[in-house]
Each structure stands twice: as C-alpha cells, then as structure tokens.
Amino acid sequence: MVTVQQVKDYLRIPFNDDDTAIQAMLDAGNAYLVNAIDDCLIKYTQNEGFRKQADDWILRYWMPVAYNDREGQGAEGLGYVARSVLTQLQMYEVEVPNDSN
C-alpha cells in the first residue's frame, strides 16, 4: 500500500501538517479501488503486477486530485488517463498456472 511518505515525496510536500489528511485521502482512494474492482483485495494480495499498478494509480491519479481539493473547493475529478487505468485494473485477470504438464 502507498504510504504517506511516498505521497509526500511524489507531491513534494516538505511539511507534516497534512499527514492525517493525506492518510484519510489514501484510505478513501483504497476504498474507491476496492469498491470499483471485483476481487480487488485478493488480486492486490496475490499478484505483484496488480499491486504495483493499483499503487501507481493511487499515487499518480488519485492523490494529486484529492490533495489539490483538500479544502473542499470542488474537485476537478478523475481525468481520462485515470479512468482508463482504472478500467485496466477492473479488467485485470490474474493468470492461473496451468498444471496440465
């Protein structure tokens, strides 16, 4: 899971004042993925490729929008790329090894 420190590094936030708010935004982003993607937690815990892509979505697409709207001025919403990556995550299929050998 993405950490508060990773978000602060990515968004270049040098202070600790918003750490609690950042954690709440991370929690909301993770909940968004869990609600938007079938078997999200299973895929996340069992597949490194999915986990990396989900964490990247939180860091690159969810957090900048959420952090910019931290004062409730009206979020810009998720952009086209964020929605496209979310669709890829929704369609992500974990490959099951073929035991027929």
Protein backbone atom coordinates (compact mmCIF):
# COMPACT_ATOMS: atom_id res chain seq x y z
CA MET A 1 0.00 0.00 0.00
CA VAL A 2 1.11 3.53 -0.70
CA THR A 3 2.42 5.32 2.38
CA VAL A 4 2.01 8.91 3.50
CA GLN A 5 5.75 9.42 2.96
CA GLN A 6 5.55 8.16 -0.62
CA VAL A 7 2.76 10.66 -1.30
CA LYS A 8 4.72 13.48 0.29
CA ASP A 9 7.79 12.61 -1.78
CA TYR A 10 5.76 12.34 -5.00
CA LEU A 11 3.84 15.59 -4.44
CA ARG A 12 6.90 17.33 -2.95
CA ILE A 13 5.22 18.15 0.36
CA PRO A 14 8.03 19.11 2.77
CA PHE A 15 5.93 19.53 5.94
CA ASN A 16 3.96 17.23 8.25
CA ASP A 17 0.88 19.42 8.73
CA ASP A 18 -1.27 17.42 6.29
CA ASP A 19 -0.17 13.90 7.24
CA THR A 20 -3.51 13.00 8.82
CA ALA A 21 -5.42 14.36 5.83
CA ILE A 22 -3.11 12.53 3.42
CA GLN A 23 -3.75 9.25 5.26
CA ALA A 24 -7.50 9.85 5.04
CA MET A 25 -7.16 10.50 1.30
CA LEU A 26 -5.15 7.29 0.91
CA ASP A 27 -7.84 5.38 2.79
CA ALA A 28 -10.52 6.87 0.54
CA GLY A 29 -8.53 6.00 -2.60
CA ASN A 30 -8.02 2.43 -1.46
CA ALA A 31 -11.73 2.13 -0.62
CA TYR A 32 -12.54 3.52 -4.08
CA LEU A 33 -10.47 0.78 -5.72
CA VAL A 34 -11.97 -1.95 -3.52
CA ASN A 35 -15.48 -0.81 -4.45
CA ALA A 36 -14.68 -0.34 -8.15
CA ILE A 37 -12.80 -3.60 -8.80
CA ASP A 38 -14.13 -7.11 -8.31
CA ASP A 39 -11.89 -9.15 -6.00
CA CYS A 40 -9.58 -6.18 -5.56
CA LEU A 41 -8.13 -7.28 -2.23
CA ILE A 42 -7.50 -10.81 -3.46
CA LYS A 43 -5.78 -9.53 -6.60
CA TYR A 44 -3.83 -6.98 -4.56
CA THR A 45 -2.51 -9.51 -2.06
CA GLN A 46 -1.83 -12.31 -4.54
CA ASN A 47 -0.47 -10.54 -7.63
CA GLU A 48 2.53 -8.22 -7.64
CA GLY A 49 1.71 -6.78 -11.09
CA PHE A 50 -1.78 -5.78 -10.00
CA ARG A 51 -0.47 -4.40 -6.70
CA LYS A 52 2.09 -2.21 -8.46
CA GLN A 53 -0.49 -0.91 -10.93
CA ALA A 54 -3.03 -0.21 -8.15
CA ASP A 55 -0.44 1.60 -6.02
CA ASP A 56 0.66 3.60 -9.05
CA TRP A 57 -2.97 4.61 -9.72
CA ILE A 58 -3.36 5.82 -6.13
CA LEU A 59 -0.10 7.76 -6.21
CA ARG A 60 -0.32 9.30 -9.70
CA TYR A 61 -4.02 9.76 -10.32
CA TRP A 62 -5.93 9.69 -7.04
CA MET A 63 -3.68 11.62 -4.67
CA PRO A 64 -2.90 14.71 -6.78
CA VAL A 65 -6.61 15.36 -7.32
CA ALA A 66 -7.53 14.57 -3.71
CA TYR A 67 -4.71 16.68 -2.28
CA ASN A 68 -5.48 19.65 -4.51
CA ASP A 69 -9.09 19.51 -3.27
CA ARG A 70 -8.20 19.07 0.41
CA GLU A 71 -10.03 22.28 1.30
CA GLY A 72 -13.20 21.21 -0.50
CA GLN A 73 -13.16 23.75 -3.30
CA GLY A 74 -14.61 21.32 -5.81
CA ALA A 75 -12.52 18.52 -7.20
CA GLU A 76 -11.58 18.51 -10.85
CA GLY A 77 -12.50 14.83 -10.97
CA LEU A 78 -10.58 11.95 -12.41
CA GLY A 79 -9.12 12.63 -15.83
CA TYR A 80 -9.23 10.44 -18.89
CA VAL A 81 -5.96 8.66 -18.14
CA ALA A 82 -7.00 7.94 -14.55
CA ARG A 83 -10.29 6.47 -15.74
CA SER A 84 -8.50 4.44 -18.43
CA VAL A 85 -6.05 2.96 -15.95
CA LEU A 86 -8.94 2.21 -13.59
CA THR A 87 -10.67 0.34 -16.42
CA GLN A 88 -7.48 -1.68 -16.98
CA LEU A 89 -7.44 -2.53 -13.28
CA GLN A 90 -11.10 -3.55 -13.43
CA MET A 91 -10.35 -5.89 -16.33
CA TYR A 92 -7.11 -7.23 -14.85
CA GLU A 93 -7.05 -11.00 -14.84
CA VAL A 94 -4.66 -12.96 -12.72
CA GLU A 95 -3.04 -15.73 -14.70
CA VAL A 96 -3.58 -19.14 -13.19
CA PRO A 97 -0.70 -21.58 -13.70
CA ASN A 98 -1.56 -24.49 -15.96
CA ASP A 99 -0.98 -27.73 -14.02
CA SER A 100 -1.53 -29.95 -17.05
CA ASN A 101 2.20 -30.56 -17.63
